[in-house]
Amino acid sequence: MALRSALRNTQKAILAEKAERALKRYPFEDISPNLVVKINPRAKRMALRLDPKKRIINLVLPKRGVSSRDAYLFALEHKYWIREKIAELPELITFINGAKISILGEDVTIDVTFDENLKKTDIQLKNNVLSVATNKEDPSSRIKRFIINLAKERLSALAHQKAAMIDKKIALVEVKDTTSRWGSCSYDAKLCFSWRLIFAPIEAFDYVVGHEVAHLKHMDHSPAFWHQCEDLCSNYSRGKTWMKRHSGELIRYA
């Protein structure tokens, strides 16, 4: 097992070095400073993949059959698409004093009070204000942790409530830093959600939870599943539509 892991790490290092050489040989950065070259042994062809969380475009290359020149010309051909996708990304929202955030559709202002004599950071959400009393010059990581815990609390409570409606039990509710999937349900009744759902309107938040809880009964996307999902949601149509059109906006919260 250890040998297999070591071999994988060695292969990754070799591929990373090869990608680095390609970057040095051709001016990929002139196309976009947000362009990253990656070699994937499972890739069959060149492809451009947007990573909205890292705010980069990955130029994915197969392990063999593509030269650095080929990769550069491919990226050059798509340079306007690359720049357009990066420009379309919403402006980042950081957890600093005065920042405006949305918590389940409610506008909330972060109000930080610094006091070096405090022994710990205290955070409270009340009357649309996230009050932060802290002895830290940069309490953003503490604020983020508070919001993640709040998301887990709300997601877990709602998921168990909806599971009870269909006489199902949830083994575990997890909250992770996912971006490609807002929620998931495993065959062993474990649900996982993105913590950034806390920034979505309540109907969208409710829809994602209802969607995953419905999978406890139907592990597919059959008509029966969608009927169950609709029954579990407070406003199925509005929640589903918002996630389809605006879920990318949730990535802007850092």
C-alpha atoms as a PDB file:
ATOM      1  CA  MET A   1       0.000   0.000   0.000  1.00  0.00           C
ATOM      2  CA  ALA A   2       2.790   2.402   0.945  1.00  0.00           C
ATOM      3  CA  LEU A   3       4.706   1.486  -2.241  1.00  0.00           C
ATOM      4  CA  ARG A   4       1.648   2.165  -4.412  1.00  0.00           C
ATOM      5  CA  SER A   5       1.156   5.532  -2.746  1.00  0.00           C
ATOM      6  CA  ALA A   6       4.821   6.405  -3.261  1.00  0.00           C
ATOM      7  CA  LEU A   7       4.572   5.501  -6.958  1.00  0.00           C
ATOM      8  CA  ARG A   8       1.488   7.677  -7.384  1.00  0.00           C
ATOM      9  CA  ASN A   9       3.237  10.603  -5.708  1.00  0.00           C
ATOM     10  CA  THR A  10       6.277  10.108  -7.934  1.00  0.00           C
ATOM     11  CA  GLN A  11       4.108  10.062 -11.041  1.00  0.00           C
ATOM     12  CA  LYS A  12       2.319  13.234  -9.940  1.00  0.00           C
ATOM     13  CA  ALA A  13       5.671  14.958  -9.378  1.00  0.00           C
ATOM     14  CA  ILE A  14       6.884  13.940 -12.851  1.00  0.00           C
ATOM     15  CA  LEU A  15       3.705  15.206 -14.512  1.00  0.00           C
ATOM     16  CA  ALA A  16       3.829  18.465 -12.528  1.00  0.00           C
ATOM     17  CA  GLU A  17       7.443  18.975 -13.607  1.00  0.00           C
ATOM     18  CA  LYS A  18       6.489  18.339 -17.240  1.00  0.00           C
ATOM     19  CA  ALA A  19       3.691  20.904 -17.005  1.00  0.00           C
ATOM     20  CA  GLU A  20       6.108  23.392 -15.421  1.00  0.00           C
ATOM     21  CA  ARG A  21       8.542  22.945 -18.319  1.00  0.00           C
ATOM     22  CA  ALA A  22       5.713  23.644 -20.773  1.00  0.00           C
ATOM     23  CA  LEU A  23       4.889  26.869 -18.953  1.00  0.00           C
ATOM     24  CA  LYS A  24       8.502  28.005 -19.105  1.00  0.00           C
ATOM     25  CA  ARG A  25       8.944  27.120 -22.771  1.00  0.00           C
ATOM     26  CA  TYR A  26       5.899  28.995 -24.070  1.00  0.00           C
ATOM     27  CA  PRO A  27       4.308  32.287 -22.868  1.00  0.00           C
ATOM     28  CA  PHE A  28       1.080  30.830 -21.484  1.00  0.00           C
ATOM     29  CA  GLU A  29       0.928  33.682 -18.970  1.00  0.00           C
ATOM     30  CA  ASP A  30       0.587  36.182 -21.815  1.00  0.00           C
ATOM     31  CA  ILE A  31      -2.689  34.463 -22.733  1.00  0.00           C
ATOM     32  CA  SER A  32      -3.922  34.787 -19.130  1.00  0.00           C
ATOM     33  CA  PRO A  33      -2.234  34.859 -15.704  1.00  0.00           C
ATOM     34  CA  ASN A  34      -5.160  32.690 -14.579  1.00  0.00           C
ATOM     35  CA  LEU A  35      -4.249  29.850 -16.958  1.00  0.00           C
ATOM     36  CA  VAL A  36      -2.760  26.716 -15.347  1.00  0.00           C
ATOM     37  CA  VAL A  37      -1.358  23.758 -17.285  1.00  0.00           C
ATOM     38  CA  LYS A  38      -2.122  20.330 -15.838  1.00  0.00           C
ATOM     39  CA  ILE A  39      -1.309  16.872 -17.175  1.00  0.00           C
ATOM     40  CA  ASN A  40      -3.884  14.200 -16.372  1.00  0.00           C
ATOM     41  CA  PRO A  41      -3.050  10.545 -17.152  1.00  0.00           C
ATOM     42  CA  ARG A  42      -6.773   9.836 -17.652  1.00  0.00           C
ATOM     43  CA  ALA A  43      -7.328  12.670 -20.129  1.00  0.00           C
ATOM     44  CA  LYS A  44      -7.758  11.618 -23.764  1.00  0.00           C
ATOM     45  CA  ARG A  45      -7.654  15.091 -25.303  1.00  0.00           C
ATOM     46  CA  MET A  46      -6.871  18.697 -24.462  1.00  0.00           C
ATOM     47  CA  ALA A  47      -9.583  20.573 -22.599  1.00  0.00           C
ATOM     48  CA  LEU A  48     -10.129  23.857 -20.770  1.00  0.00           C
ATOM     49  CA  ARG A  49     -11.811  23.618 -17.360  1.00  0.00           C
ATOM     50  CA  LEU A  50     -12.950  26.572 -15.265  1.00  0.00           C
ATOM     51  CA  ASP A  51     -12.272  26.321 -11.528  1.00  0.00           C
ATOM     52  CA  PRO A  52     -14.452  29.122 -10.109  1.00  0.00           C
ATOM     53  CA  LYS A  53     -13.283  28.559  -6.541  1.00  0.00           C
ATOM     54  CA  LYS A  54      -9.602  29.083  -7.394  1.00  0.00           C
ATOM     55  CA  ARG A  55     -10.511  31.555 -10.151  1.00  0.00           C
ATOM     56  CA  ILE A  56      -8.359  29.801 -12.717  1.00  0.00           C
ATOM     57  CA  ILE A  57      -8.711  27.983 -16.044  1.00  0.00           C
ATOM     58  CA  ASN A  58      -7.051  24.562 -16.093  1.00  0.00           C
ATOM     59  CA  LEU A  59      -5.593  23.551 -19.436  1.00  0.00           C
ATOM     60  CA  VAL A  60      -5.820  19.777 -19.061  1.00  0.00           C
ATOM     61  CA  LEU A  61      -3.479  17.717 -21.223  1.00  0.00           C
ATOM     62  CA  PRO A  62      -3.216  13.957 -21.778  1.00  0.00           C
ATOM     63  CA  LYS A  63      -0.044  12.252 -20.626  1.00  0.00           C
ATOM     64  CA  ARG A  64       1.100  11.481 -24.161  1.00  0.00           C
ATOM     65  CA  GLY A  65       0.504  12.652 -27.715  1.00  0.00           C
ATOM     66  CA  VAL A  66       0.402  16.413 -27.081  1.00  0.00           C
ATOM     67  CA  SER A  67       3.474  18.644 -27.298  1.00  0.00           C
ATOM     68  CA  SER A  68       3.994  21.878 -25.408  1.00  0.00           C
ATOM     69  CA  ARG A  69       3.594  23.706 -28.711  1.00  0.00           C
ATOM     70  CA  ASP A  70       0.263  22.001 -29.366  1.00  0.00           C
ATOM     71  CA  ALA A  71      -0.927  22.978 -25.899  1.00  0.00           C
ATOM     72  CA  TYR A  72       0.149  26.586 -26.348  1.00  0.00           C
ATOM     73  CA  LEU A  73      -1.532  26.928 -29.741  1.00  0.00           C
ATOM     74  CA  PHE A  74      -4.724  25.387 -28.353  1.00  0.00           C
ATOM     75  CA  ALA A  75      -4.789  27.873 -25.472  1.00  0.00           C
ATOM     76  CA  LEU A  76      -3.945  30.742 -27.824  1.00  0.00           C
ATOM     77  CA  GLU A  77      -6.869  29.788 -30.054  1.00  0.00           C
ATOM     78  CA  HIS A  78      -9.210  30.026 -27.052  1.00  0.00           C
ATOM     79  CA  LYS A  79      -7.618  33.051 -25.346  1.00  0.00           C
ATOM     80  CA  TYR A  80     -10.730  35.236 -25.617  1.00  0.00           C
ATOM     81  CA  TRP A  81     -12.908  32.483 -24.148  1.00  0.00           C
ATOM     82  CA  ILE A  82     -10.414  32.105 -21.281  1.00  0.00           C
ATOM     83  CA  ARG A  83     -10.371  35.832 -20.541  1.00  0.00           C
ATOM     84  CA  GLU A  84     -14.150  36.082 -20.842  1.00  0.00           C
ATOM     85  CA  LYS A  85     -14.763  33.260 -18.351  1.00  0.00           C
ATOM     86  CA  ILE A  86     -12.406  34.810 -15.794  1.00  0.00           C
ATOM     87  CA  ALA A  87     -13.978  38.257 -16.294  1.00  0.00           C
ATOM     88  CA  GLU A  88     -17.467  36.799 -15.757  1.00  0.00           C
ATOM     89  CA  LEU A  89     -16.601  35.472 -12.298  1.00  0.00           C
ATOM     90  CA  PRO A  90     -18.416  37.433  -9.571  1.00  0.00           C
ATOM     91  CA  GLU A  91     -16.344  39.673  -7.309  1.00  0.00           C
ATOM     92  CA  LEU A  92     -15.085  37.925  -4.194  1.00  0.00           C
ATOM     93  CA  ILE A  93     -16.751  38.684  -0.871  1.00  0.00           C
ATOM     94  CA  THR A  94     -14.422  38.362   2.115  1.00  0.00           C
ATOM     95  CA  PHE A  95     -15.407  38.263   5.764  1.00  0.00           C
ATOM     96  CA  ILE A  96     -14.137  41.641   6.864  1.00  0.00           C
ATOM     97  CA  ASN A  97     -15.585  44.544   8.827  1.00  0.00           C
ATOM     98  CA  GLY A  98     -18.401  46.218   6.927  1.00  0.00           C
ATOM     99  CA  ALA A  99     -18.847  43.396   4.405  1.00  0.00           C
ATOM    100  CA  LYS A 100     -22.383  42.712   3.234  1.00  0.00           C
ATOM    101  CA  ILE A 101     -23.325  39.036   3.023  1.00  0.00           C
ATOM    102  CA  SER A 102     -26.553  37.122   2.537  1.00  0.00           C
ATOM    103  CA  ILE A 103     -27.696  34.500   5.041  1.00  0.00           C
ATOM    104  CA  LEU A 104     -30.630  32.472   3.711  1.00  0.00           C
ATOM    105  CA  GLY A 105     -31.886  35.449   1.744  1.00  0.00           C
ATOM    106  CA  GLU A 106     -31.442  37.989   4.539  1.00  0.00           C
ATOM    107  CA  ASP A 107     -28.949  40.849   4.089  1.00  0.00           C
ATOM    108  CA  VAL A 108     -26.395  40.732   6.899  1.00  0.00           C
ATOM    109  CA  THR A 109     -23.625  43.210   7.751  1.00  0.00           C
ATOM    110  CA  ILE A 110     -20.407  42.101   9.436  1.00  0.00           C
ATOM    111  CA  ASP A 111     -19.544  44.398  12.339  1.00  0.00           C
ATOM    112  CA  VAL A 112     -16.084  43.790  13.834  1.00  0.00           C
ATOM    113  CA  THR A 113     -15.029  45.324  17.139  1.00  0.00           C
ATOM    114  CA  PHE A 114     -11.337  44.959  18.011  1.00  0.00           C
ATOM    115  CA  ASP A 115     -10.217  44.827  21.646  1.00  0.00           C
ATOM    116  CA  GLU A 116      -6.751  43.478  22.417  1.00  0.00           C
ATOM    117  CA  ASN A 117      -7.817  42.783  26.008  1.00  0.00           C
ATOM    118  CA  LEU A 118     -10.400  40.185  24.996  1.00  0.00           C
ATOM    119  CA  LYS A 119      -9.472  36.581  25.712  1.00  0.00           C
ATOM    120  CA  LYS A 120     -11.363  35.092  22.758  1.00  0.00           C
ATOM    121  CA  THR A 121     -13.431  35.977  19.718  1.00  0.00           C
ATOM    122  CA  ASP A 122     -17.177  36.137  20.285  1.00  0.00           C
ATOM    123  CA  ILE A 123     -19.544  36.082  17.292  1.00  0.00           C
ATOM    124  CA  GLN A 124     -23.306  36.536  17.329  1.00  0.00           C
ATOM    125  CA  LEU A 125     -25.891  36.833  14.555  1.00  0.00           C
ATOM    126  CA  LYS A 126     -28.775  39.070  15.548  1.00  0.00           C
ATOM    127  CA  ASN A 127     -31.051  41.543  13.763  1.00  0.00           C
ATOM    128  CA  ASN A 128     -29.248  41.201  10.430  1.00  0.00           C
ATOM    129  CA  VAL A 129     -25.871  42.002  11.990  1.00  0.00           C
ATOM    130  CA  LEU A 130     -23.017  39.543  12.482  1.00  0.00           C
ATOM    131  CA  SER A 131     -21.335  41.060  15.536  1.00  0.00           C
ATOM    132  CA  VAL A 132     -17.700  40.064  16.021  1.00  0.00           C
ATOM    133  CA  ALA A 133     -15.872  41.054  19.214  1.00  0.00           C
ATOM    134  CA  THR A 134     -12.265  39.955  18.864  1.00  0.00           C
ATOM    135  CA  ASN A 135      -8.654  40.380  19.927  1.00  0.00           C
ATOM    136  CA  LYS A 136      -7.447  39.358  16.461  1.00  0.00           C
ATOM    137  CA  GLU A 137      -6.445  41.851  13.797  1.00  0.00           C
ATOM    138  CA  ASP A 138      -7.786  39.482  11.140  1.00  0.00           C
ATOM    139  CA  PRO A 139     -10.724  37.436  12.462  1.00  0.00           C
ATOM    140  CA  SER A 140     -11.872  36.319   8.980  1.00  0.00           C
ATOM    141  CA  SER A 141     -11.014  32.649   9.629  1.00  0.00           C
ATOM    142  CA  ARG A 142     -13.079  32.718  12.854  1.00  0.00           C
ATOM    143  CA  ILE A 143     -15.985  34.335  11.034  1.00  0.00           C
ATOM    144  CA  LYS A 144     -15.795  31.702   8.309  1.00  0.00           C
ATOM    145  CA  ARG A 145     -15.768  28.921  10.924  1.00  0.00           C
ATOM    146  CA  PHE A 146     -18.838  30.441  12.598  1.00  0.00           C
ATOM    147  CA  ILE A 147     -20.695  30.544   9.264  1.00  0.00           C
ATOM    148  CA  ILE A 148     -19.710  26.953   8.407  1.00  0.00           C
ATOM    149  CA  ASN A 149     -20.994  25.769  11.801  1.00  0.00           C
ATOM    150  CA  LEU A 150     -24.200  27.735  11.268  1.00  0.00           C
ATOM    151  CA  ALA A 151     -24.621  26.119   7.853  1.00  0.00           C
ATOM    152  CA  LYS A 152     -24.138  22.640   9.300  1.00  0.00           C
ATOM    153  CA  GLU A 153     -26.626  23.321  12.083  1.00  0.00           C
ATOM    154  CA  ARG A 154     -29.315  24.580   9.686  1.00  0.00           C
ATOM    155  CA  LEU A 155     -28.680  21.914   7.031  1.00  0.00           C
ATOM    156  CA  SER A 156     -28.705  19.076   9.546  1.00  0.00           C
ATOM    157  CA  ALA A 157     -31.901  20.254  11.240  1.00  0.00           C
ATOM    158  CA  LEU A 158     -33.747  20.685   7.947  1.00  0.00           C
ATOM    159  CA  ALA A 159     -32.506  17.378   6.522  1.00  0.00           C
ATOM    160  CA  HIS A 160     -33.649  15.401   9.568  1.00  0.00           C
ATOM    161  CA  GLN A 161     -36.980  17.206   9.513  1.00  0.00           C
ATOM    162  CA  LYS A 162     -37.567  16.292   5.873  1.00  0.00           C
ATOM    163  CA  ALA A 163     -36.336  12.700   6.364  1.00  0.00           C
ATOM    164  CA  ALA A 164     -38.929  12.244   9.103  1.00  0.00           C
ATOM    165  CA  MET A 165     -41.615  13.282   6.611  1.00  0.00           C
ATOM    166  CA  ILE A 166     -40.871  10.172   4.536  1.00  0.00           C
ATOM    167  CA  ASP A 167     -40.051   7.873   7.474  1.00  0.00           C
ATOM    168  CA  LYS A 168     -36.357   7.696   6.648  1.00  0.00           C
ATOM    169  CA  LYS A 169     -33.306   7.896   8.910  1.00  0.00           C
ATOM    170  CA  ILE A 170     -30.144   9.837   8.128  1.00  0.00           C
ATOM    171  CA  ALA A 171     -26.891   8.219   9.220  1.00  0.00           C
ATOM    172  CA  LEU A 172     -24.781  11.391   8.988  1.00  0.00           C
ATOM    173  CA  VAL A 173     -24.921  14.953   7.711  1.00  0.00           C
ATOM    174  CA  GLU A 174     -21.585  16.399   6.596  1.00  0.00           C
ATOM    175  CA  VAL A 175     -20.721  19.893   5.425  1.00  0.00           C
ATOM    176  CA  LYS A 176     -17.715  20.335   3.131  1.00  0.00           C
ATOM    177  CA  ASP A 177     -16.056  22.899   0.893  1.00  0.00           C
ATOM    178  CA  THR A 178     -17.471  21.533  -2.364  1.00  0.00           C
ATOM    179  CA  THR A 179     -18.199  23.518  -5.514  1.00  0.00           C
ATOM    180  CA  SER A 180     -19.128  21.099  -8.293  1.00  0.00           C
ATOM    181  CA  ARG A 181     -21.868  19.368  -6.277  1.00  0.00           C
ATOM    182  CA  TRP A 182     -24.010  21.305  -3.827  1.00  0.00           C
ATOM    183  CA  GLY A 183     -25.269  18.138  -2.187  1.00  0.00           C
ATOM    184  CA  SER A 184     -25.010  14.356  -2.322  1.00  0.00           C
ATOM    185  CA  CYS A 185     -26.610  11.271  -0.802  1.00  0.00           C
ATOM    186  CA  SER A 186     -24.883   7.910  -0.462  1.00  0.00           C
ATOM    187  CA  TYR A 187     -26.446   4.460  -0.317  1.00  0.00           C
ATOM    188  CA  ASP A 188     -25.652   4.264   3.407  1.00  0.00           C
ATOM    189  CA  ALA A 189     -27.861   7.311   4.106  1.00  0.00           C
ATOM    190  CA  LYS A 190     -25.053   9.827   4.519  1.00  0.00           C
ATOM    191  CA  LEU A 191     -25.783  13.310   3.229  1.00  0.00           C
ATOM    192  CA  CYS A 192     -23.163  15.877   2.299  1.00  0.00           C
ATOM    193  CA  PHE A 193     -23.693  19.549   1.502  1.00  0.00           C
ATOM    194  CA  SER A 194     -21.617  22.574   0.563  1.00  0.00           C
ATOM    195  CA  TRP A 195     -21.379  25.059   3.426  1.00  0.00           C
ATOM    196  CA  ARG A 196     -21.862  27.891   0.906  1.00  0.00           C
ATOM    197  CA  LEU A 197     -25.550  26.961   0.614  1.00  0.00           C
ATOM    198  CA  ILE A 198     -26.062  29.159   3.689  1.00  0.00           C
ATOM    199  CA  PHE A 199     -25.671  32.159   1.338  1.00  0.00           C
ATOM    200  CA  ALA A 200     -28.505  31.023  -0.944  1.00  0.00           C
ATOM    201  CA  PRO A 201     -32.127  32.183  -0.591  1.00  0.00           C
ATOM    202  CA  ILE A 202     -34.177  30.006   1.742  1.00  0.00           C
ATOM    203  CA  GLU A 203     -36.124  28.441  -1.169  1.00  0.00           C
ATOM    204  CA  ALA A 204     -32.895  27.320  -2.856  1.00  0.00           C
ATOM    205  CA  PHE A 205     -31.423  26.085   0.433  1.00  0.00           C
ATOM    206  CA  ASP A 206     -34.644  24.146   1.074  1.00  0.00           C
ATOM    207  CA  TYR A 207     -34.648  22.721  -2.467  1.00  0.00           C
ATOM    208  CA  VAL A 208     -31.122  21.279  -2.252  1.00  0.00           C
ATOM    209  CA  VAL A 209     -31.897  19.639   1.095  1.00  0.00           C
ATOM    210  CA  GLY A 210     -35.188  18.281  -0.238  1.00  0.00           C
ATOM    211  CA  HIS A 211     -33.403  16.947  -3.317  1.00  0.00           C
ATOM    212  CA  GLU A 212     -30.867  14.964  -1.309  1.00  0.00           C
ATOM    213  CA  VAL A 213     -33.405  13.701   1.242  1.00  0.00           C
ATOM    214  CA  ALA A 214     -35.583  12.456  -1.639  1.00  0.00           C
ATOM    215  CA  HIS A 215     -32.620  10.288  -2.666  1.00  0.00           C
ATOM    216  CA  LEU A 216     -33.040   8.381   0.601  1.00  0.00           C
ATOM    217  CA  LYS A 217     -36.122   6.910  -1.030  1.00  0.00           C
ATOM    218  CA  HIS A 218     -35.173   7.019  -4.728  1.00  0.00           C
ATOM    219  CA  MET A 219     -31.479   6.678  -5.625  1.00  0.00           C
ATOM    220  CA  ASP A 220     -32.088   7.904  -9.167  1.00  0.00           C
ATOM    221  CA  HIS A 221     -33.702  10.779 -11.019  1.00  0.00           C
ATOM    222  CA  SER A 222     -36.847   8.966 -12.045  1.00  0.00           C
ATOM    223  CA  PRO A 223     -40.279  10.658 -12.201  1.00  0.00           C
ATOM    224  CA  ALA A 224     -41.001   9.163  -8.764  1.00  0.00           C
ATOM    225  CA  PHE A 225     -37.886  10.874  -7.399  1.00  0.00           C
ATOM    226  CA  TRP A 226     -38.881  14.286  -8.768  1.00  0.00           C
ATOM    227  CA  HIS A 227     -42.398  13.943  -7.397  1.00  0.00           C
ATOM    228  CA  GLN A 228     -40.933  13.109  -3.987  1.00  0.00           C
ATOM    229  CA  CYS A 229     -38.510  16.019  -4.216  1.00  0.00           C
ATOM    230  CA  GLU A 230     -41.325  18.427  -5.042  1.00  0.00           C
ATOM    231  CA  ASP A 231     -43.391  17.160  -2.104  1.00  0.00           C
ATOM    232  CA  LEU A 232     -40.467  17.773   0.255  1.00  0.00           C
ATOM    233  CA  CYS A 233     -39.790  21.345  -0.865  1.00  0.00           C
ATOM    234  CA  SER A 234     -41.528  24.462   0.402  1.00  0.00           C
ATOM    235  CA  ASN A 235     -41.153  26.155  -2.999  1.00  0.00           C
ATOM    236  CA  TYR A 236     -39.790  23.548  -5.403  1.00  0.00           C
ATOM    237  CA  SER A 237     -40.003  25.597  -8.607  1.00  0.00           C
ATOM    238  CA  ARG A 238     -38.413  28.762  -7.242  1.00  0.00           C
ATOM    239  CA  GLY A 239     -35.660  26.886  -5.396  1.00  0.00           C
ATOM    240  CA  LYS A 240     -34.716  24.709  -8.355  1.00  0.00           C
ATOM    241  CA  THR A 241     -34.756  27.652 -10.757  1.00  0.00           C
ATOM    242  CA  TRP A 242     -32.538  29.774  -8.492  1.00  0.00           C
ATOM    243  CA  MET A 243     -29.948  27.002  -8.164  1.00  0.00           C
ATOM    244  CA  LYS A 244     -29.944  26.461 -11.911  1.00  0.00           C
ATOM    245  CA  ARG A 245     -29.449  30.142 -12.727  1.00  0.00           C
ATOM    246  CA  HIS A 246     -27.523  31.598  -9.795  1.00  0.00           C
ATOM    247  CA  SER A 247     -25.696  28.862  -7.862  1.00  0.00           C
ATOM    248  CA  GLY A 248     -22.375  30.038  -9.351  1.00  0.00           C
ATOM    249  CA  GLU A 249     -22.738  33.208  -7.293  1.00  0.00           C
ATOM    250  CA  LEU A 250     -22.198  31.228  -4.090  1.00  0.00           C
ATOM    251  CA  ILE A 251     -18.523  30.694  -5.024  1.00  0.00           C
ATOM    252  CA  ARG A 252     -17.777  34.394  -4.492  1.00  0.00           C
ATOM    253  CA  TYR A 253     -17.833  33.965  -0.715  1.00  0.00           C
ATOM    254  CA  ALA A 254     -14.271  33.354   0.397  1.00  0.00           C
END
